[in-house]
Amino acid sequence: MRAPEPAVKFMLELKSIQKSFAGREVLHDISISVQKGEIVSILGPSGCGKTTLLNIILGLEAPTAGRIICDGEDITRVPMEKRGFNIVFQDYALFPNLTAYENIVYGLRNFPGRSSRAEVDELIGLLALEQHLDQRIDSLSGGQKQRVALARTLVMKPRLLLLDEPLSALDGLIKESIKDRIKTIARQFDLTTLIVTHDPEEALTLSDRVLIIESGRVAQFGTPSEIVHAPAGDFIRRFILKQLAIKRDNIFRLFSPEPGASTVGAAAA
């Protein structure tokens, strides 16, 4: 007789989370489980409740009902500073009067043993910041600031990394580079990562699973493949697949010949 399979231990569990403000329900019955080391995006249009959910997980807001479980411990009423979670905000929240390196190690002033010098140097190398350590924040590009903000958070060794619209101010190759670095760090350090975004392409290409919220409710929680090939409803088709189709069509239209134009001449040129 085979031994029973061991139960999967989830790093983070949200159980029937609800939130209301002044009698208006913003989140309704949000229940998901996240495995250790998993990258999960919280995706939805503006006003759907995704930022409120992020704030509840972080501890900035208390749920009206429901529970938050982390590594088997109920942390619903645990204060934010005792949860061991760290967040990189959309505006980076860096100190402009400090250099990049001083920003990175700022949190170690109060917790000097949290990361060794070798570990700090490793993170700096992973994020390709070696050449920018002595620069002031206002002299850095958006991508460089984002990497400094990530390094500053990661040296504190968070149990859970939260990213609020981490790529919204970045474009093109810089955005792809940051995506790759986030995935590399999550895999290398087995770091559970939650990302809030309104961009379907970003969520589907960066995450192991995606939580899609519609008007405060779970519309679908699944892998990118499940969402693309088996959308749970019309909202998913409209909000996710239509946006991706529009991007695809715009690219094809950009490189398609105008009606009546000679493709032979274009090829010869």
C-alpha atoms as a PDB file:
ATOM      1  CA  MET A   1       0.000   0.000   0.000  1.00  0.00           C
ATOM      2  CA  ARG A   2       1.420   3.364  -1.028  1.00  0.00           C
ATOM      3  CA  ALA A   3       1.971   6.025   1.592  1.00  0.00           C
ATOM      4  CA  PRO A   4      -0.303   9.051   1.188  1.00  0.00           C
ATOM      5  CA  GLU A   5       1.141  11.994  -0.662  1.00  0.00           C
ATOM      6  CA  PRO A   6       2.348  14.734   1.728  1.00  0.00           C
ATOM      7  CA  ALA A   7       0.025  17.705   1.888  1.00  0.00           C
ATOM      8  CA  VAL A   8       1.209  20.758  -0.010  1.00  0.00           C
ATOM      9  CA  LYS A   9       2.266  23.468   2.423  1.00  0.00           C
ATOM     10  CA  PHE A  10       1.382  26.887   1.161  1.00  0.00           C
ATOM     11  CA  MET A  11       3.494  29.903   2.017  1.00  0.00           C
ATOM     12  CA  LEU A  12       0.513  32.292   1.865  1.00  0.00           C
ATOM     13  CA  GLU A  13      -3.219  31.610   2.116  1.00  0.00           C
ATOM     14  CA  LEU A  14      -6.017  34.121   1.834  1.00  0.00           C
ATOM     15  CA  LYS A  15      -9.249  32.746   3.248  1.00  0.00           C
ATOM     16  CA  SER A  16     -12.512  34.506   2.364  1.00  0.00           C
ATOM     17  CA  ILE A  17     -11.020  38.001   2.525  1.00  0.00           C
ATOM     18  CA  GLN A  18     -13.601  40.770   2.476  1.00  0.00           C
ATOM     19  CA  LYS A  19     -13.161  44.526   2.787  1.00  0.00           C
ATOM     20  CA  SER A  20     -15.679  47.333   3.020  1.00  0.00           C
ATOM     21  CA  PHE A  21     -15.226  51.091   3.281  1.00  0.00           C
ATOM     22  CA  ALA A  22     -18.115  53.099   4.724  1.00  0.00           C
ATOM     23  CA  GLY A  23     -20.494  50.252   3.997  1.00  0.00           C
ATOM     24  CA  ARG A  24     -19.325  49.788   0.389  1.00  0.00           C
ATOM     25  CA  GLU A  25     -17.851  46.371  -0.317  1.00  0.00           C
ATOM     26  CA  VAL A  26     -14.525  46.583  -2.150  1.00  0.00           C
ATOM     27  CA  LEU A  27     -13.384  42.956  -1.860  1.00  0.00           C
ATOM     28  CA  HIS A  28     -15.648  39.909  -1.656  1.00  0.00           C
ATOM     29  CA  ASP A  29     -14.607  36.375  -0.677  1.00  0.00           C
ATOM     30  CA  ILE A  30     -11.020  36.403  -1.988  1.00  0.00           C
ATOM     31  CA  SER A  31      -9.544  32.943  -1.374  1.00  0.00           C
ATOM     32  CA  ILE A  32      -6.229  31.816  -2.886  1.00  0.00           C
ATOM     33  CA  SER A  33      -3.182  29.761  -1.876  1.00  0.00           C
ATOM     34  CA  VAL A  34       0.372  30.634  -2.954  1.00  0.00           C
ATOM     35  CA  GLN A  35       3.296  28.207  -2.830  1.00  0.00           C
ATOM     36  CA  LYS A  36       6.761  29.166  -1.617  1.00  0.00           C
ATOM     37  CA  GLY A  37       8.872  30.680  -4.393  1.00  0.00           C
ATOM     38  CA  GLU A  38       5.869  31.280  -6.622  1.00  0.00           C
ATOM     39  CA  ILE A  39       5.432  34.509  -8.596  1.00  0.00           C
ATOM     40  CA  VAL A  40       1.788  35.593  -8.581  1.00  0.00           C
ATOM     41  CA  SER A  41       0.410  38.674 -10.304  1.00  0.00           C
ATOM     42  CA  ILE A  42      -2.748  40.401  -9.094  1.00  0.00           C
ATOM     43  CA  LEU A  43      -4.303  41.723 -12.286  1.00  0.00           C
ATOM     44  CA  GLY A  44      -7.313  43.889 -12.937  1.00  0.00           C
ATOM     45  CA  PRO A  45      -8.537  47.266 -14.181  1.00  0.00           C
ATOM     46  CA  SER A  46      -8.368  50.436 -12.095  1.00  0.00           C
ATOM     47  CA  GLY A  47     -10.759  50.357  -9.153  1.00  0.00           C
ATOM     48  CA  CYS A  48     -11.162  46.564  -9.054  1.00  0.00           C
ATOM     49  CA  GLY A  49      -9.665  46.235  -5.549  1.00  0.00           C
ATOM     50  CA  LYS A  50      -6.191  44.886  -6.334  1.00  0.00           C
ATOM     51  CA  THR A  51      -4.304  47.621  -4.435  1.00  0.00           C
ATOM     52  CA  THR A  52      -6.622  47.194  -1.442  1.00  0.00           C
ATOM     53  CA  LEU A  53      -5.825  43.479  -1.449  1.00  0.00           C
ATOM     54  CA  LEU A  54      -2.092  44.234  -1.590  1.00  0.00           C
ATOM     55  CA  ASN A  55      -2.438  46.601   1.374  1.00  0.00           C
ATOM     56  CA  ILE A  56      -4.306  43.939   3.359  1.00  0.00           C
ATOM     57  CA  ILE A  57      -1.581  41.363   2.697  1.00  0.00           C
ATOM     58  CA  LEU A  58       1.121  43.879   3.648  1.00  0.00           C
ATOM     59  CA  GLY A  59      -0.741  44.902   6.794  1.00  0.00           C
ATOM     60  CA  LEU A  60      -1.531  48.506   5.882  1.00  0.00           C
ATOM     61  CA  GLU A  61      -5.247  47.651   5.941  1.00  0.00           C
ATOM     62  CA  ALA A  62      -7.190  45.161   8.063  1.00  0.00           C
ATOM     63  CA  PRO A  63      -9.763  42.946   6.341  1.00  0.00           C
ATOM     64  CA  THR A  64     -13.394  43.357   7.326  1.00  0.00           C
ATOM     65  CA  ALA A  65     -13.643  39.566   7.368  1.00  0.00           C
ATOM     66  CA  GLY A  66     -11.473  36.579   6.493  1.00  0.00           C
ATOM     67  CA  ARG A  67      -8.014  35.340   7.463  1.00  0.00           C
ATOM     68  CA  ILE A  68      -4.420  35.589   6.218  1.00  0.00           C
ATOM     69  CA  ILE A  69      -2.214  32.553   6.858  1.00  0.00           C
ATOM     70  CA  CYS A  70       1.563  32.670   6.336  1.00  0.00           C
ATOM     71  CA  ASP A  71       3.606  29.488   6.765  1.00  0.00           C
ATOM     72  CA  GLY A  72       0.747  27.995   8.767  1.00  0.00           C
ATOM     73  CA  GLU A  73       0.460  30.994  11.125  1.00  0.00           C
ATOM     74  CA  ASP A  74      -2.608  33.221  11.269  1.00  0.00           C
ATOM     75  CA  ILE A  75      -1.215  36.740  10.765  1.00  0.00           C
ATOM     76  CA  THR A  76      -4.533  38.515  10.143  1.00  0.00           C
ATOM     77  CA  ARG A  77      -4.054  40.768  13.180  1.00  0.00           C
ATOM     78  CA  VAL A  78      -0.239  40.777  13.216  1.00  0.00           C
ATOM     79  CA  PRO A  79       1.120  44.334  12.737  1.00  0.00           C
ATOM     80  CA  MET A  80       2.779  45.145   9.428  1.00  0.00           C
ATOM     81  CA  GLU A  81       6.264  45.570  10.930  1.00  0.00           C
ATOM     82  CA  LYS A  82       6.145  42.054  12.415  1.00  0.00           C
ATOM     83  CA  ARG A  83       5.061  40.217   9.251  1.00  0.00           C
ATOM     84  CA  GLY A  84       8.468  40.256   7.587  1.00  0.00           C
ATOM     85  CA  PHE A  85       7.007  41.372   4.253  1.00  0.00           C
ATOM     86  CA  ASN A  86       8.605  44.098   2.141  1.00  0.00           C
ATOM     87  CA  ILE A  87       7.201  46.168  -0.712  1.00  0.00           C
ATOM     88  CA  VAL A  88       8.652  48.104  -3.636  1.00  0.00           C
ATOM     89  CA  PHE A  89       6.268  50.963  -4.337  1.00  0.00           C
ATOM     90  CA  GLN A  90       5.462  52.297  -7.783  1.00  0.00           C
ATOM     91  CA  ASP A  91       7.380  55.544  -7.141  1.00  0.00           C
ATOM     92  CA  TYR A  92      10.383  53.607  -5.659  1.00  0.00           C
ATOM     93  CA  ALA A  93      10.404  55.775  -2.449  1.00  0.00           C
ATOM     94  CA  LEU A  94      14.192  56.211  -2.548  1.00  0.00           C
ATOM     95  CA  PHE A  95      16.107  58.820  -0.554  1.00  0.00           C
ATOM     96  CA  PRO A  96      17.269  61.505  -3.040  1.00  0.00           C
ATOM     97  CA  ASN A  97      19.997  62.819  -0.731  1.00  0.00           C
ATOM     98  CA  LEU A  98      21.739  59.432  -0.577  1.00  0.00           C
ATOM     99  CA  THR A  99      23.777  57.525  -3.136  1.00  0.00           C
ATOM    100  CA  ALA A 100      22.514  54.318  -4.704  1.00  0.00           C
ATOM    101  CA  TYR A 101      24.667  52.231  -2.334  1.00  0.00           C
ATOM    102  CA  GLU A 102      23.536  54.187   0.731  1.00  0.00           C
ATOM    103  CA  ASN A 103      19.926  53.564  -0.293  1.00  0.00           C
ATOM    104  CA  ILE A 104      20.566  49.844  -0.761  1.00  0.00           C
ATOM    105  CA  VAL A 105      22.038  49.332   2.731  1.00  0.00           C
ATOM    106  CA  TYR A 106      19.835  51.879   4.525  1.00  0.00           C
ATOM    107  CA  GLY A 107      17.659  49.265   6.260  1.00  0.00           C
ATOM    108  CA  LEU A 108      20.729  47.431   7.569  1.00  0.00           C
ATOM    109  CA  ARG A 109      21.455  50.328   9.927  1.00  0.00           C
ATOM    110  CA  ASN A 110      18.855  48.928  12.324  1.00  0.00           C
ATOM    111  CA  PHE A 111      19.392  45.269  11.349  1.00  0.00           C
ATOM    112  CA  PRO A 112      23.141  44.988  10.654  1.00  0.00           C
ATOM    113  CA  GLY A 113      23.181  41.195  10.712  1.00  0.00           C
ATOM    114  CA  ARG A 114      20.322  40.711   8.246  1.00  0.00           C
ATOM    115  CA  SER A 115      22.646  40.502   5.211  1.00  0.00           C
ATOM    116  CA  SER A 116      26.411  40.135   5.092  1.00  0.00           C
ATOM    117  CA  ARG A 117      28.632  42.301   2.896  1.00  0.00           C
ATOM    118  CA  ALA A 118      29.082  39.329   0.564  1.00  0.00           C
ATOM    119  CA  GLU A 119      25.293  38.909   0.257  1.00  0.00           C
ATOM    120  CA  VAL A 120      24.842  42.617  -0.453  1.00  0.00           C
ATOM    121  CA  ASP A 121      27.533  42.437  -3.122  1.00  0.00           C
ATOM    122  CA  GLU A 122      25.842  39.395  -4.658  1.00  0.00           C
ATOM    123  CA  LEU A 123      22.552  41.265  -4.976  1.00  0.00           C
ATOM    124  CA  ILE A 124      24.298  44.282  -6.438  1.00  0.00           C
ATOM    125  CA  GLY A 125      25.859  41.988  -9.033  1.00  0.00           C
ATOM    126  CA  LEU A 126      22.583  40.236  -9.834  1.00  0.00           C
ATOM    127  CA  LEU A 127      20.943  43.606 -10.438  1.00  0.00           C
ATOM    128  CA  ALA A 128      23.931  44.950 -12.414  1.00  0.00           C
ATOM    129  CA  LEU A 129      24.339  48.014 -10.195  1.00  0.00           C
ATOM    130  CA  GLU A 130      28.119  47.962  -9.690  1.00  0.00           C
ATOM    131  CA  GLN A 131      28.734  51.024 -11.878  1.00  0.00           C
ATOM    132  CA  HIS A 132      26.033  53.127 -10.203  1.00  0.00           C
ATOM    133  CA  LEU A 133      26.748  52.715  -6.499  1.00  0.00           C
ATOM    134  CA  ASP A 134      28.249  56.185  -5.993  1.00  0.00           C
ATOM    135  CA  GLN A 135      25.604  58.029  -8.022  1.00  0.00           C
ATOM    136  CA  ARG A 136      22.885  60.142  -6.453  1.00  0.00           C
ATOM    137  CA  ILE A 137      19.344  58.974  -7.045  1.00  0.00           C
ATOM    138  CA  ASP A 138      18.355  61.935  -9.217  1.00  0.00           C
ATOM    139  CA  SER A 139      21.096  61.029 -11.709  1.00  0.00           C
ATOM    140  CA  LEU A 140      19.770  57.494 -12.278  1.00  0.00           C
ATOM    141  CA  SER A 141      17.385  56.348 -15.003  1.00  0.00           C
ATOM    142  CA  GLY A 142      13.995  54.825 -14.190  1.00  0.00           C
ATOM    143  CA  GLY A 143      15.301  51.292 -14.680  1.00  0.00           C
ATOM    144  CA  GLN A 144      18.310  51.955 -12.456  1.00  0.00           C
ATOM    145  CA  LYS A 145      16.084  53.398  -9.723  1.00  0.00           C
ATOM    146  CA  GLN A 146      13.861  50.333  -9.940  1.00  0.00           C
ATOM    147  CA  ARG A 147      16.874  48.047  -9.488  1.00  0.00           C
ATOM    148  CA  VAL A 148      18.116  50.089  -6.501  1.00  0.00           C
ATOM    149  CA  ALA A 149      14.658  49.844  -4.917  1.00  0.00           C
ATOM    150  CA  LEU A 150      14.651  46.075  -5.466  1.00  0.00           C
ATOM    151  CA  ALA A 151      18.132  45.711  -3.962  1.00  0.00           C
ATOM    152  CA  ARG A 152      17.193  47.821  -0.926  1.00  0.00           C
ATOM    153  CA  THR A 153      14.198  45.563  -0.300  1.00  0.00           C
ATOM    154  CA  LEU A 154      15.991  42.272  -0.931  1.00  0.00           C
ATOM    155  CA  VAL A 155      18.921  42.905   1.445  1.00  0.00           C
ATOM    156  CA  MET A 156      16.317  42.804   4.229  1.00  0.00           C
ATOM    157  CA  LYS A 157      15.493  39.184   3.250  1.00  0.00           C
ATOM    158  CA  PRO A 158      11.702  39.488   3.241  1.00  0.00           C
ATOM    159  CA  ARG A 159       9.477  36.437   3.743  1.00  0.00           C
ATOM    160  CA  LEU A 160       7.304  37.821   0.959  1.00  0.00           C
ATOM    161  CA  LEU A 161       8.148  40.384  -1.728  1.00  0.00           C
ATOM    162  CA  LEU A 162       5.364  42.703  -2.872  1.00  0.00           C
ATOM    163  CA  LEU A 163       5.725  44.811  -6.022  1.00  0.00           C
ATOM    164  CA  ASP A 164       3.264  47.601  -6.832  1.00  0.00           C
ATOM    165  CA  GLU A 165       3.154  48.245 -10.608  1.00  0.00           C
ATOM    166  CA  PRO A 166       6.927  47.611 -10.866  1.00  0.00           C
ATOM    167  CA  LEU A 167       7.169  48.053 -14.648  1.00  0.00           C
ATOM    168  CA  SER A 168       4.606  50.776 -15.335  1.00  0.00           C
ATOM    169  CA  ALA A 169       7.196  53.552 -15.791  1.00  0.00           C
ATOM    170  CA  LEU A 170       9.566  51.453 -17.903  1.00  0.00           C
ATOM    171  CA  ASP A 171       9.678  50.794 -21.624  1.00  0.00           C
ATOM    172  CA  GLY A 172      10.999  48.280 -24.115  1.00  0.00           C
ATOM    173  CA  LEU A 173      14.253  46.511 -23.353  1.00  0.00           C
ATOM    174  CA  ILE A 174      14.492  48.050 -19.873  1.00  0.00           C
ATOM    175  CA  LYS A 175      11.129  46.525 -18.927  1.00  0.00           C
ATOM    176  CA  GLU A 176      12.173  43.116 -20.267  1.00  0.00           C
ATOM    177  CA  SER A 177      15.470  43.335 -18.381  1.00  0.00           C
ATOM    178  CA  ILE A 178      13.720  44.088 -15.070  1.00  0.00           C
ATOM    179  CA  LYS A 179      11.252  41.242 -15.676  1.00  0.00           C
ATOM    180  CA  ASP A 180      14.133  38.831 -16.212  1.00  0.00           C
ATOM    181  CA  ARG A 181      15.884  40.025 -13.045  1.00  0.00           C
ATOM    182  CA  ILE A 182      12.725  39.664 -10.942  1.00  0.00           C
ATOM    183  CA  LYS A 183      12.283  36.090 -12.190  1.00  0.00           C
ATOM    184  CA  THR A 184      15.974  35.262 -11.650  1.00  0.00           C
ATOM    185  CA  ILE A 185      15.942  36.567  -8.069  1.00  0.00           C
ATOM    186  CA  ALA A 186      12.667  34.818  -7.202  1.00  0.00           C
ATOM    187  CA  ARG A 187      14.054  31.505  -8.481  1.00  0.00           C
ATOM    188  CA  GLN A 188      17.534  31.873  -6.979  1.00  0.00           C
ATOM    189  CA  PHE A 189      16.311  32.855  -3.513  1.00  0.00           C
ATOM    190  CA  ASP A 190      13.056  30.827  -3.587  1.00  0.00           C
ATOM    191  CA  LEU A 191      11.307  34.109  -2.844  1.00  0.00           C
ATOM    192  CA  THR A 192       7.517  34.237  -2.926  1.00  0.00           C
ATOM    193  CA  THR A 193       6.572  37.328  -4.941  1.00  0.00           C
ATOM    194  CA  LEU A 194       3.251  39.114  -5.410  1.00  0.00           C
ATOM    195  CA  ILE A 195       2.935  41.735  -8.145  1.00  0.00           C
ATOM    196  CA  VAL A 196       0.094  44.206  -8.662  1.00  0.00           C
ATOM    197  CA  THR A 197      -0.382  45.216 -12.286  1.00  0.00           C
ATOM    198  CA  HIS A 198      -3.032  46.397 -14.735  1.00  0.00           C
ATOM    199  CA  ASP A 199      -1.088  45.081 -17.752  1.00  0.00           C
ATOM    200  CA  PRO A 200      -2.159  41.596 -18.993  1.00  0.00           C
ATOM    201  CA  GLU A 201       1.004  41.085 -21.051  1.00  0.00           C
ATOM    202  CA  GLU A 202       3.176  41.888 -18.033  1.00  0.00           C
ATOM    203  CA  ALA A 203       1.251  39.525 -15.760  1.00  0.00           C
ATOM    204  CA  LEU A 204       1.147  36.625 -18.219  1.00  0.00           C
ATOM    205  CA  THR A 205       4.850  36.769 -19.130  1.00  0.00           C
ATOM    206  CA  LEU A 206       6.187  37.325 -15.605  1.00  0.00           C
ATOM    207  CA  SER A 207       4.087  35.080 -13.371  1.00  0.00           C
ATOM    208  CA  ASP A 208       3.628  31.439 -12.474  1.00  0.00           C
ATOM    209  CA  ARG A 209      -0.035  32.156 -11.790  1.00  0.00           C
ATOM    210  CA  VAL A 210      -2.280  35.164 -12.179  1.00  0.00           C
ATOM    211  CA  LEU A 211      -5.147  36.298  -9.934  1.00  0.00           C
ATOM    212  CA  ILE A 212      -7.618  38.314 -12.008  1.00  0.00           C
ATOM    213  CA  ILE A 213     -10.006  40.500 -10.026  1.00  0.00           C
ATOM    214  CA  GLU A 214     -13.264  41.872 -11.383  1.00  0.00           C
ATOM    215  CA  SER A 215     -15.163  44.346  -9.186  1.00  0.00           C
ATOM    216  CA  GLY A 216     -13.632  42.960  -5.996  1.00  0.00           C
ATOM    217  CA  ARG A 217     -14.209  39.288  -6.825  1.00  0.00           C
ATOM    218  CA  VAL A 218     -11.989  36.514  -8.165  1.00  0.00           C
ATOM    219  CA  ALA A 219     -12.642  36.265 -11.894  1.00  0.00           C
ATOM    220  CA  GLN A 220      -9.954  33.592 -12.434  1.00  0.00           C
ATOM    221  CA  PHE A 221      -6.850  32.282 -10.678  1.00  0.00           C
ATOM    222  CA  GLY A 222      -4.666  30.131 -12.871  1.00  0.00           C
ATOM    223  CA  THR A 223      -1.520  29.745 -14.924  1.00  0.00           C
ATOM    224  CA  PRO A 224      -0.970  32.025 -17.926  1.00  0.00           C
ATOM    225  CA  SER A 225      -1.692  29.072 -20.212  1.00  0.00           C
ATOM    226  CA  GLU A 226      -5.007  28.336 -18.474  1.00  0.00           C
ATOM    227  CA  ILE A 227      -6.068  31.965 -18.724  1.00  0.00           C
ATOM    228  CA  VAL A 228      -5.212  32.271 -22.419  1.00  0.00           C
ATOM    229  CA  HIS A 229      -6.563  28.879 -23.530  1.00  0.00           C
ATOM    230  CA  ALA A 230      -9.431  28.443 -21.062  1.00  0.00           C
ATOM    231  CA  PRO A 231     -10.693  31.902 -20.000  1.00  0.00           C
ATOM    232  CA  ALA A 232     -13.222  31.626 -17.188  1.00  0.00           C
ATOM    233  CA  GLY A 233     -15.726  34.093 -18.634  1.00  0.00           C
ATOM    234  CA  ASP A 234     -16.520  37.075 -20.831  1.00  0.00           C
ATOM    235  CA  PHE A 235     -14.644  39.488 -18.558  1.00  0.00           C
ATOM    236  CA  ILE A 236     -11.417  37.532 -19.054  1.00  0.00           C
ATOM    237  CA  ARG A 237     -11.949  37.487 -22.806  1.00  0.00           C
ATOM    238  CA  ARG A 238     -12.647  41.228 -22.903  1.00  0.00           C
ATOM    239  CA  PHE A 239     -10.073  42.418 -20.397  1.00  0.00           C
ATOM    240  CA  ILE A 240      -7.192  40.032 -21.104  1.00  0.00           C
ATOM    241  CA  LEU A 241      -7.467  38.479 -24.518  1.00  0.00           C
ATOM    242  CA  LYS A 242      -8.854  41.533 -26.304  1.00  0.00           C
ATOM    243  CA  GLN A 243      -5.979  43.704 -25.059  1.00  0.00           C
ATOM    244  CA  LEU A 244      -3.452  41.146 -26.277  1.00  0.00           C
ATOM    245  CA  ALA A 245      -5.234  40.850 -29.629  1.00  0.00           C
ATOM    246  CA  ILE A 246      -5.215  44.637 -30.082  1.00  0.00           C
ATOM    247  CA  LYS A 247      -1.452  44.751 -29.423  1.00  0.00           C
ATOM    248  CA  ARG A 248      -0.873  41.932 -31.895  1.00  0.00           C
ATOM    249  CA  ASP A 249      -3.079  43.540 -34.562  1.00  0.00           C
ATOM    250  CA  ASN A 250      -1.392  46.927 -34.149  1.00  0.00           C
ATOM    251  CA  ILE A 251       2.031  45.334 -34.681  1.00  0.00           C
ATOM    252  CA  PHE A 252       0.891  43.454 -37.784  1.00  0.00           C
ATOM    253  CA  ARG A 253      -0.798  46.592 -39.126  1.00  0.00           C
ATOM    254  CA  LEU A 254       2.380  48.604 -38.601  1.00  0.00           C
ATOM    255  CA  PHE A 255       4.399  46.277 -40.825  1.00  0.00           C
ATOM    256  CA  SER A 256       1.710  45.366 -43.337  1.00  0.00           C
ATOM    257  CA  PRO A 257       1.881  47.044 -46.776  1.00  0.00           C
ATOM    258  CA  GLU A 258      -0.675  49.715 -47.544  1.00  0.00           C
ATOM    259  CA  PRO A 259      -3.484  48.606 -49.888  1.00  0.00           C
ATOM    260  CA  GLY A 260      -2.190  48.786 -53.443  1.00  0.00           C
ATOM    261  CA  ALA A 261       1.441  49.184 -52.391  1.00  0.00           C
ATOM    262  CA  SER A 262       4.005  47.125 -54.245  1.00  0.00           C
ATOM    263  CA  THR A 263       5.567  44.469 -52.009  1.00  0.00           C
ATOM    264  CA  VAL A 264       8.035  43.678 -54.799  1.00  0.00           C
ATOM    265  CA  GLY A 265       9.481  47.164 -54.705  1.00  0.00           C
ATOM    266  CA  ALA A 266       9.658  47.059 -50.940  1.00  0.00           C
ATOM    267  CA  ALA A 267      11.488  43.751 -51.026  1.00  0.00           C
ATOM    268  CA  ALA A 268      13.907  45.021 -53.691  1.00  0.00           C
ATOM    269  CA  ALA A 269      14.663  48.104 -51.635  1.00  0.00           C
END
